[in-house]
Amino acid sequence: MLLNIGYGNFVMASRVISIVSPSAAPMKKLRDLAGNVNKLVDATHGRRTRSIIVMDSDHVILSAINPETIASRFASEEGDSEALES
C-alpha cells in the first residue's frame, strides 16, 4: 500500500519505520547524516519541513505534512489492508 505524504508524493507504507517531528536536535542530526550519505529525499516542494519519515532502507524523507496527519493516513491504510485480508 502507498502512503500519501503530501503534494502528490507517496511512499510504501510497509517500509515506514517512524514518522517524527523535525524540531528535536537528534532529528536535525539524522537529517544532516542522511544528506551526507545521499539517503535524504526532500518531498516538501519548497515548503517548511513538518515531519521526517524514516524508512527501513535508511532513507530519510522530509514532508511538509504534519506527523499526526501522516500517522492518521497510515492508520487508515492499515485498516483498509486488514479489511481486504478478512
Protein backbone atom coordinates (compact mmCIF):
# COMPACT_ATOMS: atom_id res chain seq x y z
CA MET A 1 0.00 0.00 0.00
CA LEU A 2 1.11 3.52 -0.77
CA LEU A 3 1.07 6.23 1.88
CA ASN A 4 0.35 9.80 0.77
CA ILE A 5 2.96 12.11 2.31
CA GLY A 6 1.62 15.22 0.62
CA TYR A 7 1.70 17.15 -2.64
CA GLY A 8 1.49 14.09 -4.86
CA ASN A 9 4.25 12.15 -3.10
CA PHE A 10 3.81 8.58 -1.88
CA VAL A 11 5.93 6.02 -0.02
CA MET A 12 5.44 2.31 0.61
CA ALA A 13 3.56 2.11 3.92
CA SER A 14 5.08 -1.27 4.73
CA ARG A 15 8.60 0.21 4.66
CA VAL A 16 7.99 3.09 7.10
CA ILE A 17 9.77 2.73 10.44
CA SER A 18 8.81 6.03 12.05
CA ILE A 19 7.19 9.42 11.46
CA VAL A 20 8.70 12.11 13.67
CA SER A 21 8.73 15.86 14.19
CA PRO A 22 11.85 17.60 12.84
CA SER A 23 12.28 20.04 15.73
CA ALA A 24 14.35 17.88 18.10
CA ALA A 25 18.13 18.06 17.89
CA PRO A 26 18.56 14.31 17.19
CA MET A 27 16.22 14.64 14.21
CA LYS A 28 18.25 17.54 12.84
CA LYS A 29 21.36 15.38 13.17
CA LEU A 30 19.60 12.45 11.45
CA ARG A 31 18.63 14.77 8.59
CA ASP A 32 22.21 16.00 8.21
CA LEU A 33 23.67 12.48 8.32
CA ALA A 34 21.21 11.24 5.69
CA GLY A 35 22.14 14.15 3.45
CA ASN A 36 25.83 13.33 3.77
CA VAL A 37 25.32 9.74 2.56
CA ASN A 38 22.79 10.60 -0.20
CA LYS A 39 19.86 8.98 1.62
CA LEU A 40 17.82 12.18 2.08
CA VAL A 41 14.68 12.73 0.00
CA ASP A 42 13.10 16.19 0.15
CA ALA A 43 9.38 15.86 -0.64
CA THR A 44 8.42 19.29 0.75
CA HIS A 45 8.20 21.11 -2.62
CA GLY A 46 9.92 24.10 -1.03
CA ARG A 47 7.60 24.28 1.95
CA ARG A 48 8.55 24.08 5.61
CA THR A 49 9.51 20.59 6.83
CA ARG A 50 6.90 19.42 9.32
CA SER A 51 7.72 15.72 9.52
CA ILE A 52 10.57 13.31 8.93
CA ILE A 53 9.81 9.80 7.75
CA VAL A 54 12.42 7.12 8.41
CA MET A 55 12.34 4.14 6.06
CA ASP A 56 13.70 0.61 6.54
CA SER A 57 16.20 1.28 3.72
CA ASP A 58 17.84 4.01 5.88
CA HIS A 59 16.33 6.70 3.66
CA VAL A 60 15.06 9.82 5.41
CA ILE A 61 12.15 11.59 3.75
CA LEU A 62 11.16 15.17 4.52
CA SER A 63 7.47 16.06 4.26
CA ALA A 64 5.53 19.32 4.59
CA ILE A 65 2.60 17.49 6.20
CA ASN A 66 2.22 17.25 9.99
CA PRO A 67 3.25 13.92 11.59
CA GLU A 68 -0.25 13.49 13.05
CA THR A 69 -1.83 13.79 9.60
CA ILE A 70 0.55 11.26 8.08
CA ALA A 71 0.02 8.92 11.04
CA SER A 72 -3.76 9.08 10.62
CA ARG A 73 -3.35 8.32 6.90
CA PHE A 74 -1.05 5.45 7.83
CA ALA A 75 -3.59 4.10 10.32
CA SER A 76 -6.39 4.29 7.76
CA GLU A 77 -4.21 2.46 5.21
CA GLU A 78 -3.54 -0.27 7.79
CA GLY A 79 -7.27 -0.56 8.50
CA ASP A 80 -8.05 -0.80 4.77
CA SER A 81 -5.49 -3.54 4.22
CA GLU A 82 -6.81 -5.53 7.21
CA ALA A 83 -10.34 -5.25 5.83
CA LEU A 84 -9.13 -6.56 2.47
CA GLU A 85 -7.40 -9.55 4.11
CA SER A 86 -10.53 -10.57 6.08
